[in-house]
Each structure stands twice: as C-alpha cells, then as structure tokens.
C-alpha cells in the first residue's frame, strides 16, 4: 500500500465524513433530529480516522515533531469521539428521556464527556499544527479547529438552527481539506514514469 494510495483513500473518507455531517445538518434544519439523520451521523463518524490520517500525511514533513504529537492526540480523541457519536446517535437517541437521564448520571457520563474532552484537546493541537505548517489553506486549518470544537460542544445539546449551520461549515471544511489532499496525492501519480519507459533527460525529450 503506497502512501499516495492511503492519502487518496483518506481524502475520500474525508468527503464521506463531511457529507455524513453536513447533509443531515441541512435536513435537520427543517425536520429536527430524526432516526435517519442520527443513523447517518452515527455511522459516518467511522470515516474520521482515515481522513485525519490523510490530513497528517499531507503535512507531516512540514508539521515536524509537534505535528506528530498533535496527530497522535487527535487520533486517540477521534477514536473516543467516534464511540461517543455512535452512542449518542444510535443508542441514547432511541432511549426514553428518564432512561437517558439515569444512564448519563452514572459512569457513562464520565466516559462520554471524558472522550469529548480528549477529542477537543486533540482537535485544537492538530489545528494549531496545521496553522503552523501552512500546508493546508489557512482558513481551512482554522475552520477545522474552530468548527469541530463548536460541533463537539453542541453534540449533547438539543438541536437548533445554529447546530445545522455548524454541521454545514464542518462539511465544507472537511471537503475542502480532502480536495487539497487528493490533488497533492494525485499529482505525483500523474507525472510518474511508466515501467520500462526511460525518464526524459532534464530539459529534453525521451530518446
């Protein structure tokens, strides 16, 4: 598996992750949270790990040691938040309110909010690494950091029109970053020399 293939795979996952957040956000602006939108958001979180891995590979050389540490924290936080998103949207959403209240009054509350806290910390660190590395467009790097932190803060709260707007912003940022990764990963492949065909000498044509 080549690094360029992994980056392209992660870029596709980033687009799918963005759509799984943005499309339900648009629908919920008119219908409120539904079983279908919760299902899509809950399962879509699974695309986060390969997407963030592709983002890191895209900037790894420029990000240095700090970027590697930030990626590690973000990856762990993302893994935890994937579980939180799955639980909130595919388990807790379907429970009666008294059951939900009793569930979140116990150790589950610590696990949910603890996982969200690690995710926020990792998101901020990784966002700072992207701003410092200057590989991604600066608005996208800032947008990743701010919009995902706001989305995390809103996750356990009732949905509002503002929640839908944040979903759409997150979708736009993820698709933008994924497009940057895809373009960079596809460029070397487009210019690669076919096996058995000698490379052209500098400043000249192939013999």
N, C-alpha and C. Protein backbone atom coordinates (compact mmCIF):
# COMPACT_ATOMS: atom_id res chain seq x y z
N UNK A 1 0.85 -1.19 0.00
CA UNK A 1 0.00 0.00 0.00
C UNK A 1 0.89 1.24 0.00
N UNK A 2 0.80 2.05 -1.04
CA UNK A 2 1.65 3.22 -1.14
C UNK A 2 1.06 4.37 -0.33
N UNK A 3 1.92 5.29 0.15
CA UNK A 3 1.42 6.45 0.89
C UNK A 3 0.43 7.28 0.09
N UNK A 4 0.64 7.39 -1.23
CA UNK A 4 -0.29 8.18 -2.05
C UNK A 4 -1.67 7.52 -2.09
N UNK A 5 -1.70 6.17 -2.15
CA UNK A 5 -3.00 5.49 -2.12
C UNK A 5 -3.70 5.74 -0.80
N UNK A 6 -2.94 5.70 0.30
CA UNK A 6 -3.53 5.91 1.62
C UNK A 6 -4.07 7.32 1.74
N UNK A 7 -3.36 8.28 1.17
CA UNK A 7 -3.85 9.66 1.22
C UNK A 7 -5.12 9.83 0.39
N UNK A 8 -5.15 9.19 -0.78
CA UNK A 8 -6.36 9.30 -1.59
C UNK A 8 -7.55 8.61 -0.91
N UNK A 9 -7.29 7.45 -0.30
CA UNK A 9 -8.35 6.77 0.44
C UNK A 9 -8.85 7.64 1.59
N UNK A 10 -7.93 8.25 2.32
CA UNK A 10 -8.32 9.13 3.41
C UNK A 10 -9.07 10.36 2.92
N UNK A 11 -8.69 10.87 1.74
CA UNK A 11 -9.40 12.03 1.19
C UNK A 11 -10.85 11.67 0.86
N UNK A 12 -11.05 10.48 0.29
CA UNK A 12 -12.42 10.03 0.01
C UNK A 12 -13.21 9.89 1.31
N UNK A 13 -12.56 9.32 2.33
CA UNK A 13 -13.22 9.18 3.63
C UNK A 13 -13.54 10.56 4.22
N UNK A 14 -12.66 11.54 3.99
CA UNK A 14 -12.92 12.88 4.49
C UNK A 14 -14.15 13.49 3.84
N UNK A 15 -14.32 13.25 2.55
CA UNK A 15 -15.53 13.75 1.86
C UNK A 15 -16.78 13.05 2.40
N UNK A 16 -16.69 11.74 2.57
CA UNK A 16 -17.84 11.00 3.10
C UNK A 16 -18.17 11.43 4.53
N UNK A 17 -17.11 11.68 5.32
CA UNK A 17 -17.33 12.17 6.69
C UNK A 17 -18.03 13.52 6.66
N UNK A 18 -17.54 14.41 5.80
CA UNK A 18 -18.16 15.73 5.70
C UNK A 18 -19.62 15.65 5.30
N UNK A 19 -19.91 14.82 4.29
CA UNK A 19 -21.30 14.69 3.83
C UNK A 19 -22.18 14.07 4.89
N UNK A 20 -21.63 13.12 5.67
CA UNK A 20 -22.43 12.47 6.72
C UNK A 20 -22.75 13.44 7.85
N UNK A 21 -22.02 14.54 7.92
CA UNK A 21 -22.30 15.57 8.91
C UNK A 21 -23.16 16.69 8.32
N UNK A 22 -22.80 17.13 7.11
CA UNK A 22 -23.46 18.27 6.52
C UNK A 22 -24.86 18.01 6.01
N UNK A 23 -25.05 16.89 5.30
CA UNK A 23 -26.37 16.60 4.73
C UNK A 23 -27.43 16.42 5.83
N UNK A 24 -27.17 15.61 6.87
CA UNK A 24 -28.15 15.55 7.96
C UNK A 24 -28.37 16.91 8.63
N UNK A 25 -27.30 17.72 8.69
CA UNK A 25 -27.46 19.04 9.30
C UNK A 25 -28.45 19.90 8.52
N UNK A 26 -28.38 19.83 7.19
CA UNK A 26 -29.33 20.59 6.37
C UNK A 26 -30.75 20.06 6.56
N UNK A 27 -30.90 18.74 6.56
CA UNK A 27 -32.22 18.15 6.73
C UNK A 27 -32.81 18.50 8.09
N UNK A 28 -31.98 18.42 9.13
CA UNK A 28 -32.46 18.66 10.49
C UNK A 28 -32.85 20.12 10.72
N UNK A 29 -32.37 21.03 9.87
CA UNK A 29 -32.79 22.42 9.99
C UNK A 29 -34.28 22.57 9.72
N UNK A 30 -34.85 21.62 8.97
CA UNK A 30 -36.28 21.68 8.62
C UNK A 30 -37.10 20.65 9.38
N UNK A 31 -36.50 19.51 9.72
CA UNK A 31 -37.27 18.43 10.33
C UNK A 31 -36.94 18.18 11.79
N UNK A 32 -35.82 18.75 12.27
CA UNK A 32 -35.33 18.36 13.58
C UNK A 32 -34.61 17.02 13.47
N UNK A 33 -34.06 16.56 14.57
CA UNK A 33 -33.31 15.31 14.56
C UNK A 33 -34.25 14.14 14.33
N UNK A 34 -33.91 13.27 13.40
CA UNK A 34 -34.72 12.10 13.08
C UNK A 34 -33.89 10.84 13.24
N UNK A 35 -34.56 9.71 13.19
CA UNK A 35 -33.85 8.44 13.30
C UNK A 35 -32.88 8.26 12.13
N UNK A 36 -33.29 8.70 10.93
CA UNK A 36 -32.44 8.53 9.75
C UNK A 36 -31.20 9.42 9.83
N UNK A 37 -31.38 10.70 10.20
CA UNK A 37 -30.22 11.58 10.27
C UNK A 37 -29.27 11.15 11.39
N UNK A 38 -29.81 10.69 12.49
CA UNK A 38 -28.97 10.20 13.58
C UNK A 38 -28.19 8.96 13.14
N UNK A 39 -28.83 8.11 12.37
CA UNK A 39 -28.18 6.90 11.86
C UNK A 39 -26.98 7.26 10.98
N UNK A 40 -27.18 8.23 10.08
CA UNK A 40 -26.12 8.63 9.16
C UNK A 40 -24.95 9.26 9.92
N UNK A 41 -25.26 10.15 10.86
CA UNK A 41 -24.20 10.81 11.62
C UNK A 41 -23.44 9.80 12.48
N UNK A 42 -24.18 8.90 13.11
CA UNK A 42 -23.55 7.92 13.99
C UNK A 42 -22.59 7.00 13.26
N UNK A 43 -22.98 6.55 12.07
CA UNK A 43 -22.11 5.66 11.29
C UNK A 43 -21.03 6.42 10.54
N UNK A 44 -21.34 7.65 10.13
CA UNK A 44 -20.38 8.44 9.37
C UNK A 44 -19.11 8.77 10.14
N UNK A 45 -19.21 8.79 11.46
CA UNK A 45 -18.03 9.10 12.28
C UNK A 45 -16.90 8.10 12.05
N UNK A 46 -17.22 6.91 11.55
CA UNK A 46 -16.19 5.89 11.31
C UNK A 46 -15.19 6.32 10.25
N UNK A 47 -15.54 7.28 9.40
CA UNK A 47 -14.63 7.75 8.36
C UNK A 47 -13.59 8.74 8.89
N UNK A 48 -13.71 9.11 10.17
CA UNK A 48 -12.84 10.14 10.70
C UNK A 48 -11.37 9.74 10.80
N UNK A 49 -11.10 8.54 11.26
CA UNK A 49 -9.71 8.11 11.47
C UNK A 49 -8.90 8.11 10.17
N UNK A 50 -9.39 7.45 9.09
CA UNK A 50 -8.61 7.52 7.85
C UNK A 50 -8.50 8.93 7.28
N UNK A 51 -9.52 9.76 7.49
CA UNK A 51 -9.47 11.13 6.98
C UNK A 51 -8.37 11.92 7.68
N UNK A 52 -8.34 11.86 9.01
CA UNK A 52 -7.32 12.60 9.76
C UNK A 52 -5.92 12.06 9.47
N UNK A 53 -5.81 10.76 9.25
CA UNK A 53 -4.51 10.19 8.88
C UNK A 53 -4.03 10.77 7.55
N UNK A 54 -4.94 10.91 6.59
CA UNK A 54 -4.57 11.51 5.31
C UNK A 54 -4.17 12.97 5.48
N UNK A 55 -4.89 13.69 6.34
CA UNK A 55 -4.54 15.09 6.59
C UNK A 55 -3.13 15.19 7.17
N UNK A 56 -2.80 14.28 8.09
CA UNK A 56 -1.47 14.31 8.69
C UNK A 56 -0.39 13.97 7.66
N UNK A 57 -0.62 12.94 6.86
CA UNK A 57 0.37 12.57 5.85
C UNK A 57 0.61 13.71 4.87
N UNK A 58 -0.42 14.48 4.61
CA UNK A 58 -0.31 15.60 3.67
C UNK A 58 0.65 16.68 4.18
N UNK A 59 0.75 16.81 5.50
CA UNK A 59 1.56 17.89 6.05
C UNK A 59 2.68 17.39 6.97
N UNK A 60 2.93 16.09 7.00
CA UNK A 60 3.83 15.52 8.00
C UNK A 60 5.22 16.12 7.97
N UNK A 61 5.78 16.34 6.77
CA UNK A 61 7.13 16.87 6.69
C UNK A 61 7.20 18.29 7.24
N UNK A 62 6.22 19.09 6.92
CA UNK A 62 6.23 20.48 7.38
C UNK A 62 5.83 20.61 8.85
N UNK A 63 5.02 19.67 9.35
CA UNK A 63 4.49 19.78 10.71
C UNK A 63 5.51 19.40 11.77
N UNK A 64 6.48 18.56 11.42
CA UNK A 64 7.53 18.20 12.36
C UNK A 64 7.05 17.38 13.54
N UNK A 65 7.83 17.42 14.63
CA UNK A 65 7.53 16.62 15.82
C UNK A 65 6.24 17.06 16.48
N UNK A 66 6.02 18.37 16.55
CA UNK A 66 4.77 18.85 17.16
C UNK A 66 3.56 18.33 16.40
N UNK A 67 3.65 18.33 15.07
CA UNK A 67 2.54 17.82 14.27
C UNK A 67 2.28 16.35 14.53
N UNK A 68 3.36 15.57 14.73
CA UNK A 68 3.19 14.14 15.01
C UNK A 68 2.49 13.92 16.34
N UNK A 69 2.90 14.68 17.36
CA UNK A 69 2.26 14.56 18.68
C UNK A 69 0.80 14.99 18.59
N UNK A 70 0.56 16.10 17.89
CA UNK A 70 -0.82 16.60 17.75
C UNK A 70 -1.69 15.58 17.03
N UNK A 71 -1.14 14.95 16.00
CA UNK A 71 -1.89 13.92 15.27
C UNK A 71 -2.22 12.74 16.19
N UNK A 72 -1.25 12.33 17.01
CA UNK A 72 -1.47 11.19 17.90
C UNK A 72 -2.59 11.48 18.89
N UNK A 73 -2.57 12.68 19.48
CA UNK A 73 -3.62 13.05 20.43
C UNK A 73 -4.97 13.15 19.72
N UNK A 74 -4.95 13.75 18.54
CA UNK A 74 -6.20 13.89 17.79
C UNK A 74 -6.76 12.53 17.39
N UNK A 75 -5.87 11.61 17.01
CA UNK A 75 -6.32 10.29 16.60
C UNK A 75 -6.98 9.54 17.76
N UNK A 76 -6.36 9.61 18.93
CA UNK A 76 -6.95 8.96 20.11
C UNK A 76 -8.28 9.61 20.46
N UNK A 77 -8.30 10.94 20.46
CA UNK A 77 -9.54 11.64 20.76
C UNK A 77 -10.63 11.35 19.75
N UNK A 78 -10.23 11.25 18.48
CA UNK A 78 -11.21 10.94 17.43
C UNK A 78 -11.77 9.55 17.60
N UNK A 79 -10.92 8.59 17.97
CA UNK A 79 -11.40 7.23 18.20
C UNK A 79 -12.42 7.20 19.34
N UNK A 80 -12.12 7.95 20.40
CA UNK A 80 -13.07 8.03 21.51
C UNK A 80 -14.36 8.72 21.10
N UNK A 81 -14.23 9.82 20.34
CA UNK A 81 -15.43 10.57 19.95
C UNK A 81 -16.27 9.80 18.94
N UNK A 82 -15.64 8.94 18.16
CA UNK A 82 -16.41 8.07 17.26
C UNK A 82 -17.37 7.19 18.06
N UNK A 83 -16.85 6.65 19.17
CA UNK A 83 -17.71 5.86 20.05
C UNK A 83 -18.80 6.70 20.67
N UNK A 84 -18.44 7.94 21.07
CA UNK A 84 -19.44 8.84 21.65
C UNK A 84 -20.53 9.17 20.64
N UNK A 85 -20.12 9.51 19.41
CA UNK A 85 -21.10 9.84 18.37
C UNK A 85 -22.01 8.65 18.07
N UNK A 86 -21.43 7.46 18.03
CA UNK A 86 -22.23 6.25 17.79
C UNK A 86 -23.25 6.08 18.92
N UNK A 87 -22.80 6.24 20.15
CA UNK A 87 -23.70 6.04 21.30
C UNK A 87 -24.80 7.09 21.34
N UNK A 88 -24.42 8.36 21.12
CA UNK A 88 -25.42 9.44 21.19
C UNK A 88 -26.48 9.31 20.11
N UNK A 89 -26.04 8.93 18.89
CA UNK A 89 -26.96 8.95 17.76
C UNK A 89 -27.66 7.62 17.49
N UNK A 90 -27.06 6.52 17.91
CA UNK A 90 -27.64 5.22 17.60
C UNK A 90 -28.10 4.43 18.83
N UNK A 91 -27.82 4.95 20.02
CA UNK A 91 -28.25 4.26 21.24
C UNK A 91 -29.09 5.21 22.09
N UNK A 92 -28.46 6.26 22.59
CA UNK A 92 -29.14 7.17 23.51
C UNK A 92 -30.32 7.86 22.85
N UNK A 93 -30.21 8.17 21.56
CA UNK A 93 -31.30 8.84 20.85
C UNK A 93 -32.61 8.06 20.93
N UNK A 94 -32.53 6.73 20.98
CA UNK A 94 -33.73 5.90 20.95
C UNK A 94 -34.23 5.53 22.35
N UNK A 95 -33.56 6.01 23.39
CA UNK A 95 -33.99 5.70 24.75
C UNK A 95 -34.99 6.74 25.25
N UNK A 96 -35.85 6.33 26.16
CA UNK A 96 -36.76 7.27 26.79
C UNK A 96 -35.97 8.26 27.63
N UNK A 97 -36.49 9.47 27.78
CA UNK A 97 -35.76 10.52 28.48
C UNK A 97 -35.38 10.14 29.91
N UNK A 98 -36.27 9.51 30.70
CA UNK A 98 -35.85 9.10 32.05
C UNK A 98 -34.70 8.11 32.03
N UNK A 99 -34.71 7.20 31.06
CA UNK A 99 -33.62 6.22 30.94
C UNK A 99 -32.32 6.92 30.58
N UNK A 100 -32.41 7.88 29.65
CA UNK A 100 -31.22 8.64 29.26
C UNK A 100 -30.64 9.39 30.44
N UNK A 101 -31.52 10.04 31.21
CA UNK A 101 -31.06 10.81 32.37
C UNK A 101 -30.37 9.90 33.38
N UNK A 102 -30.94 8.73 33.64
CA UNK A 102 -30.33 7.79 34.58
C UNK A 102 -29.00 7.26 34.05
N UNK A 103 -28.94 7.02 32.74
CA UNK A 103 -27.71 6.50 32.14
C UNK A 103 -26.57 7.51 32.26
N UNK A 104 -26.88 8.78 31.94
CA UNK A 104 -25.85 9.81 31.97
C UNK A 104 -25.53 10.31 33.37
N UNK A 105 -26.27 9.81 34.35
CA UNK A 105 -25.96 10.18 35.73
C UNK A 105 -24.89 9.27 36.33
N UNK A 106 -24.60 8.17 35.63
CA UNK A 106 -23.62 7.21 36.15
C UNK A 106 -22.27 7.34 35.47
N UNK A 107 -21.49 6.26 35.49
CA UNK A 107 -20.15 6.28 34.89
C UNK A 107 -20.15 6.60 33.40
N UNK A 108 -21.28 6.35 32.71
CA UNK A 108 -21.34 6.65 31.28
C UNK A 108 -21.08 8.12 31.02
N UNK A 109 -21.56 8.98 31.91
CA UNK A 109 -21.36 10.42 31.76
C UNK A 109 -19.86 10.76 31.74
N UNK A 110 -19.10 10.13 32.63
CA UNK A 110 -17.66 10.38 32.70
C UNK A 110 -16.99 9.93 31.40
N UNK A 111 -17.40 8.75 30.90
CA UNK A 111 -16.81 8.24 29.66
C UNK A 111 -17.14 9.14 28.48
N UNK A 112 -18.40 9.57 28.38
CA UNK A 112 -18.83 10.40 27.25
C UNK A 112 -18.10 11.74 27.25
N UNK A 113 -18.16 12.44 28.39
CA UNK A 113 -17.56 13.78 28.43
C UNK A 113 -16.04 13.71 28.50
N UNK A 114 -15.50 12.63 29.06
CA UNK A 114 -14.05 12.46 29.03
C UNK A 114 -13.55 12.27 27.60
N UNK A 115 -14.24 11.43 26.83
CA UNK A 115 -13.87 11.23 25.43
C UNK A 115 -13.99 12.51 24.62
N UNK A 116 -15.04 13.28 24.89
CA UNK A 116 -15.21 14.54 24.19
C UNK A 116 -14.09 15.52 24.54
N UNK A 117 -13.66 15.50 25.80
CA UNK A 117 -12.58 16.38 26.22
C UNK A 117 -11.27 16.06 25.52
N UNK A 118 -10.95 14.77 25.40
CA UNK A 118 -9.73 14.36 24.69
C UNK A 118 -9.82 14.75 23.22
N UNK A 119 -10.99 14.58 22.64
CA UNK A 119 -11.18 14.95 21.24
C UNK A 119 -10.97 16.44 21.02
N UNK A 120 -11.51 17.26 21.91
CA UNK A 120 -11.33 18.71 21.78
C UNK A 120 -9.86 19.07 21.90
N UNK A 121 -9.16 18.49 22.88
CA UNK A 121 -7.74 18.77 23.04
C UNK A 121 -6.95 18.38 21.80
N UNK A 122 -7.22 17.19 21.27
CA UNK A 122 -6.53 16.74 20.07
C UNK A 122 -6.85 17.59 18.86
N UNK A 123 -8.11 18.02 18.74
CA UNK A 123 -8.51 18.86 17.62
C UNK A 123 -7.79 20.20 17.65
N UNK A 124 -7.70 20.79 18.83
CA UNK A 124 -7.01 22.08 18.97
C UNK A 124 -5.53 21.92 18.63
N UNK A 125 -4.89 20.89 19.17
CA UNK A 125 -3.47 20.67 18.88
C UNK A 125 -3.23 20.44 17.39
N UNK A 126 -4.06 19.60 16.78
CA UNK A 126 -3.88 19.31 15.37
C UNK A 126 -4.18 20.53 14.52
N UNK A 127 -5.18 21.30 14.92
CA UNK A 127 -5.47 22.54 14.21
C UNK A 127 -4.32 23.52 14.27
N UNK A 128 -3.71 23.65 15.45
CA UNK A 128 -2.54 24.53 15.60
C UNK A 128 -1.40 24.04 14.72
N UNK A 129 -1.20 22.72 14.66
CA UNK A 129 -0.13 22.18 13.82
C UNK A 129 -0.36 22.49 12.36
N UNK A 130 -1.61 22.47 11.91
CA UNK A 130 -1.92 22.79 10.53
C UNK A 130 -1.69 24.27 10.24
N UNK A 131 -2.06 25.12 11.18
CA UNK A 131 -1.83 26.56 11.01
C UNK A 131 -0.34 26.84 10.93
N UNK A 132 0.44 26.18 11.78
CA UNK A 132 1.89 26.39 11.79
C UNK A 132 2.56 25.83 10.54
N UNK A 133 2.10 24.66 10.08
CA UNK A 133 2.74 24.03 8.93
C UNK A 133 2.48 24.78 7.62
N UNK A 134 1.34 25.44 7.52
CA UNK A 134 0.98 26.24 6.34
C UNK A 134 0.94 25.41 5.05
N UNK A 135 0.53 24.16 5.18
CA UNK A 135 0.35 23.31 4.02
C UNK A 135 -1.09 23.40 3.52
N UNK A 136 -2.04 23.28 4.43
CA UNK A 136 -3.45 23.49 4.09
C UNK A 136 -3.73 24.98 4.01
N UNK A 137 -4.74 25.37 3.24
CA UNK A 137 -5.15 26.78 3.25
C UNK A 137 -5.46 27.23 4.67
N UNK A 138 -4.98 28.42 5.03
CA UNK A 138 -5.14 28.88 6.41
C UNK A 138 -6.60 28.91 6.87
N UNK A 139 -7.56 29.39 6.05
CA UNK A 139 -8.96 29.36 6.50
C UNK A 139 -9.46 27.95 6.80
N UNK A 140 -8.99 26.97 6.01
CA UNK A 140 -9.41 25.58 6.25
C UNK A 140 -8.84 25.06 7.56
N UNK A 141 -7.57 25.40 7.83
CA UNK A 141 -6.93 24.94 9.07
C UNK A 141 -7.64 25.52 10.29
N UNK A 142 -7.90 26.83 10.25
CA UNK A 142 -8.64 27.45 11.36
C UNK A 142 -10.07 26.92 11.44
N UNK A 143 -10.69 26.72 10.28
CA UNK A 143 -12.05 26.21 10.26
C UNK A 143 -12.16 24.82 10.85
N UNK A 144 -11.17 23.97 10.58
CA UNK A 144 -11.14 22.63 11.15
C UNK A 144 -11.15 22.71 12.68
N UNK A 145 -10.26 23.54 13.20
CA UNK A 145 -10.10 23.62 14.65
C UNK A 145 -11.35 24.19 15.32
N UNK A 146 -11.83 25.32 14.83
CA UNK A 146 -12.93 26.02 15.49
C UNK A 146 -14.25 25.28 15.30
N UNK A 147 -14.56 24.87 14.06
CA UNK A 147 -15.88 24.29 13.80
C UNK A 147 -16.05 22.94 14.50
N UNK A 148 -14.99 22.13 14.56
CA UNK A 148 -15.12 20.83 15.22
C UNK A 148 -15.23 20.98 16.74
N UNK A 149 -14.56 21.98 17.31
CA UNK A 149 -14.71 22.22 18.74
C UNK A 149 -16.13 22.66 19.06
N UNK A 150 -16.67 23.56 18.24
CA UNK A 150 -18.05 24.02 18.45
C UNK A 150 -19.03 22.87 18.27
N UNK A 151 -18.80 22.05 17.24
CA UNK A 151 -19.68 20.90 17.00
C UNK A 151 -19.67 19.95 18.18
N UNK A 152 -18.50 19.73 18.77
CA UNK A 152 -18.40 18.85 19.94
C UNK A 152 -19.16 19.41 21.12
N UNK A 153 -19.04 20.72 21.32
CA UNK A 153 -19.75 21.36 22.43
C UNK A 153 -21.27 21.26 22.26
N UNK A 154 -21.72 21.26 21.01
CA UNK A 154 -23.16 21.22 20.75
C UNK A 154 -23.72 19.79 20.74
N UNK A 155 -22.84 18.78 20.64
CA UNK A 155 -23.29 17.40 20.46
C UNK A 155 -24.29 16.92 21.51
N UNK A 156 -24.06 17.19 22.81
CA UNK A 156 -25.01 16.66 23.80
C UNK A 156 -26.24 17.55 24.01
N UNK A 157 -26.33 18.68 23.30
CA UNK A 157 -27.43 19.62 23.49
C UNK A 157 -28.52 19.40 22.46
N UNK A 158 -29.74 19.89 22.72
CA UNK A 158 -30.81 19.79 21.72
C UNK A 158 -30.43 20.57 20.46
N UNK A 159 -30.88 20.07 19.32
CA UNK A 159 -30.54 20.70 18.04
C UNK A 159 -31.26 22.03 17.88
N UNK A 160 -30.56 22.99 17.26
CA UNK A 160 -31.10 24.30 16.92
C UNK A 160 -30.67 24.63 15.49
N UNK A 161 -31.22 25.70 14.89
CA UNK A 161 -30.73 26.11 13.56
C UNK A 161 -29.23 26.38 13.54
N UNK A 162 -28.69 26.89 14.65
CA UNK A 162 -27.25 27.14 14.72
C UNK A 162 -26.47 25.83 14.62
N UNK A 163 -27.00 24.77 15.22
CA UNK A 163 -26.36 23.45 15.12
C UNK A 163 -26.27 23.01 13.67
N UNK A 164 -27.33 23.23 12.91
CA UNK A 164 -27.33 22.85 11.50
C UNK A 164 -26.29 23.65 10.72
N UNK A 165 -26.16 24.94 11.04
CA UNK A 165 -25.16 25.77 10.36
C UNK A 165 -23.75 25.24 10.64
N UNK A 166 -23.49 24.87 11.89
CA UNK A 166 -22.17 24.34 12.24
C UNK A 166 -21.91 23.04 11.50
N UNK A 167 -22.92 22.18 11.36
CA UNK A 167 -22.77 20.94 10.60
C UNK A 167 -22.33 21.23 9.17
N UNK A 168 -22.97 22.21 8.55
CA UNK A 168 -22.66 22.54 7.16
C UNK A 168 -21.24 23.11 7.05
N UNK A 169 -20.85 23.94 8.01
CA UNK A 169 -19.49 24.51 7.99
C UNK A 169 -18.45 23.40 8.11
N UNK A 170 -18.67 22.47 9.04
CA UNK A 170 -17.75 21.34 9.21
C UNK A 170 -17.65 20.55 7.91
N UNK A 171 -18.78 20.31 7.26
CA UNK A 171 -18.79 19.59 5.99
C UNK A 171 -17.93 20.31 4.96
N UNK A 172 -18.11 21.62 4.83
CA UNK A 172 -17.35 22.39 3.86
C UNK A 172 -15.86 22.34 4.12
N UNK A 173 -15.47 22.44 5.39
CA UNK A 173 -14.05 22.41 5.75
C UNK A 173 -13.44 21.06 5.42
N UNK A 174 -14.13 19.98 5.79
CA UNK A 174 -13.60 18.64 5.55
C UNK A 174 -13.48 18.33 4.06
N UNK A 175 -14.46 18.74 3.28
CA UNK A 175 -14.40 18.52 1.84
C UNK A 175 -13.27 19.34 1.23
N UNK A 176 -13.10 20.58 1.68
CA UNK A 176 -12.03 21.43 1.18
C UNK A 176 -10.65 20.81 1.47
N UNK A 177 -10.45 20.38 2.70
CA UNK A 177 -9.17 19.77 3.06
C UNK A 177 -8.95 18.46 2.31
N UNK A 178 -10.00 17.68 2.14
CA UNK A 178 -9.87 16.41 1.42
C UNK A 178 -9.51 16.65 -0.04
N UNK A 179 -10.07 17.70 -0.63
CA UNK A 179 -9.74 18.03 -2.02
C UNK A 179 -8.27 18.42 -2.14
N UNK A 180 -7.75 19.14 -1.14
CA UNK A 180 -6.34 19.51 -1.16
C UNK A 180 -5.45 18.27 -1.09
N UNK A 181 -5.83 17.33 -0.22
CA UNK A 181 -5.05 16.10 -0.10
C UNK A 181 -5.10 15.29 -1.39
N UNK A 182 -6.29 15.16 -1.97
CA UNK A 182 -6.44 14.38 -3.19
C UNK A 182 -5.61 14.97 -4.33
N UNK A 183 -5.65 16.28 -4.48
CA UNK A 183 -4.90 16.93 -5.56
C UNK A 183 -3.41 16.69 -5.41
N UNK A 184 -2.91 16.82 -4.18
CA UNK A 184 -1.48 16.62 -3.95
C UNK A 184 -1.07 15.17 -4.14
N UNK A 185 -1.95 14.23 -3.74
CA UNK A 185 -1.62 12.81 -3.87
C UNK A 185 -1.71 12.35 -5.32
N UNK A 186 -2.60 12.95 -6.08
CA UNK A 186 -2.78 12.54 -7.48
C UNK A 186 -1.71 13.14 -8.38
N UNK A 187 -1.14 14.26 -8.00
CA UNK A 187 -0.15 14.94 -8.85
C UNK A 187 1.08 14.07 -9.14
N UNK A 188 1.71 13.43 -8.13
CA UNK A 188 2.86 12.57 -8.43
C UNK A 188 2.49 11.40 -9.33
N UNK A 189 1.29 10.84 -9.11
CA UNK A 189 0.87 9.70 -9.93
C UNK A 189 0.71 10.10 -11.38
N UNK A 190 0.22 11.34 -11.60
CA UNK A 190 0.01 11.81 -12.96
C UNK A 190 1.34 12.00 -13.69
N UNK A 191 2.38 12.36 -12.90
CA UNK A 191 3.67 12.61 -13.53
C UNK A 191 4.62 11.44 -13.45
N UNK A 192 4.15 10.29 -12.98
CA UNK A 192 5.03 9.13 -12.82
C UNK A 192 5.41 8.55 -14.18
N UNK A 193 6.58 7.95 -14.24
CA UNK A 193 7.06 7.33 -15.47
C UNK A 193 6.57 5.89 -15.51
N UNK A 194 6.03 5.46 -16.62
CA UNK A 194 5.56 4.07 -16.75
C UNK A 194 6.73 3.12 -16.70
N UNK A 195 6.53 1.94 -16.09
CA UNK A 195 7.61 0.95 -16.05
C UNK A 195 8.11 0.64 -17.45
N UNK A 196 9.45 0.59 -17.59
CA UNK A 196 10.04 0.24 -18.86
C UNK A 196 10.25 1.41 -19.80
N UNK A 197 9.72 2.59 -19.43
CA UNK A 197 9.90 3.79 -20.25
C UNK A 197 10.89 4.69 -19.57
N UNK A 198 12.04 4.99 -20.17
CA UNK A 198 13.03 5.82 -19.52
C UNK A 198 12.54 7.23 -19.33
N UNK A 199 12.97 7.82 -18.22
CA UNK A 199 12.57 9.20 -17.95
C UNK A 199 13.28 10.13 -18.92
N UNK A 200 12.61 11.22 -19.24
CA UNK A 200 13.19 12.20 -20.15
C UNK A 200 14.33 12.92 -19.46
N UNK A 201 15.44 13.16 -20.14
CA UNK A 201 16.51 13.93 -19.55
C UNK A 201 16.09 15.35 -19.28
N UNK A 202 16.72 15.97 -18.30
CA UNK A 202 16.36 17.33 -17.93
C UNK A 202 16.49 18.24 -19.14
N UNK A 203 15.41 18.98 -19.42
CA UNK A 203 15.43 19.95 -20.49
C UNK A 203 15.29 19.34 -21.87
N UNK A 204 15.01 18.05 -21.99
CA UNK A 204 14.91 17.43 -23.30
C UNK A 204 13.82 16.41 -23.37
N UNK A 205 13.70 15.74 -24.50
CA UNK A 205 12.69 14.72 -24.69
C UNK A 205 13.28 13.34 -24.45
N UNK A 206 12.39 12.35 -24.31
CA UNK A 206 12.88 10.98 -24.21
C UNK A 206 13.47 10.57 -25.56
N UNK A 207 14.53 9.79 -25.55
CA UNK A 207 15.12 9.35 -26.81
C UNK A 207 14.14 8.45 -27.58
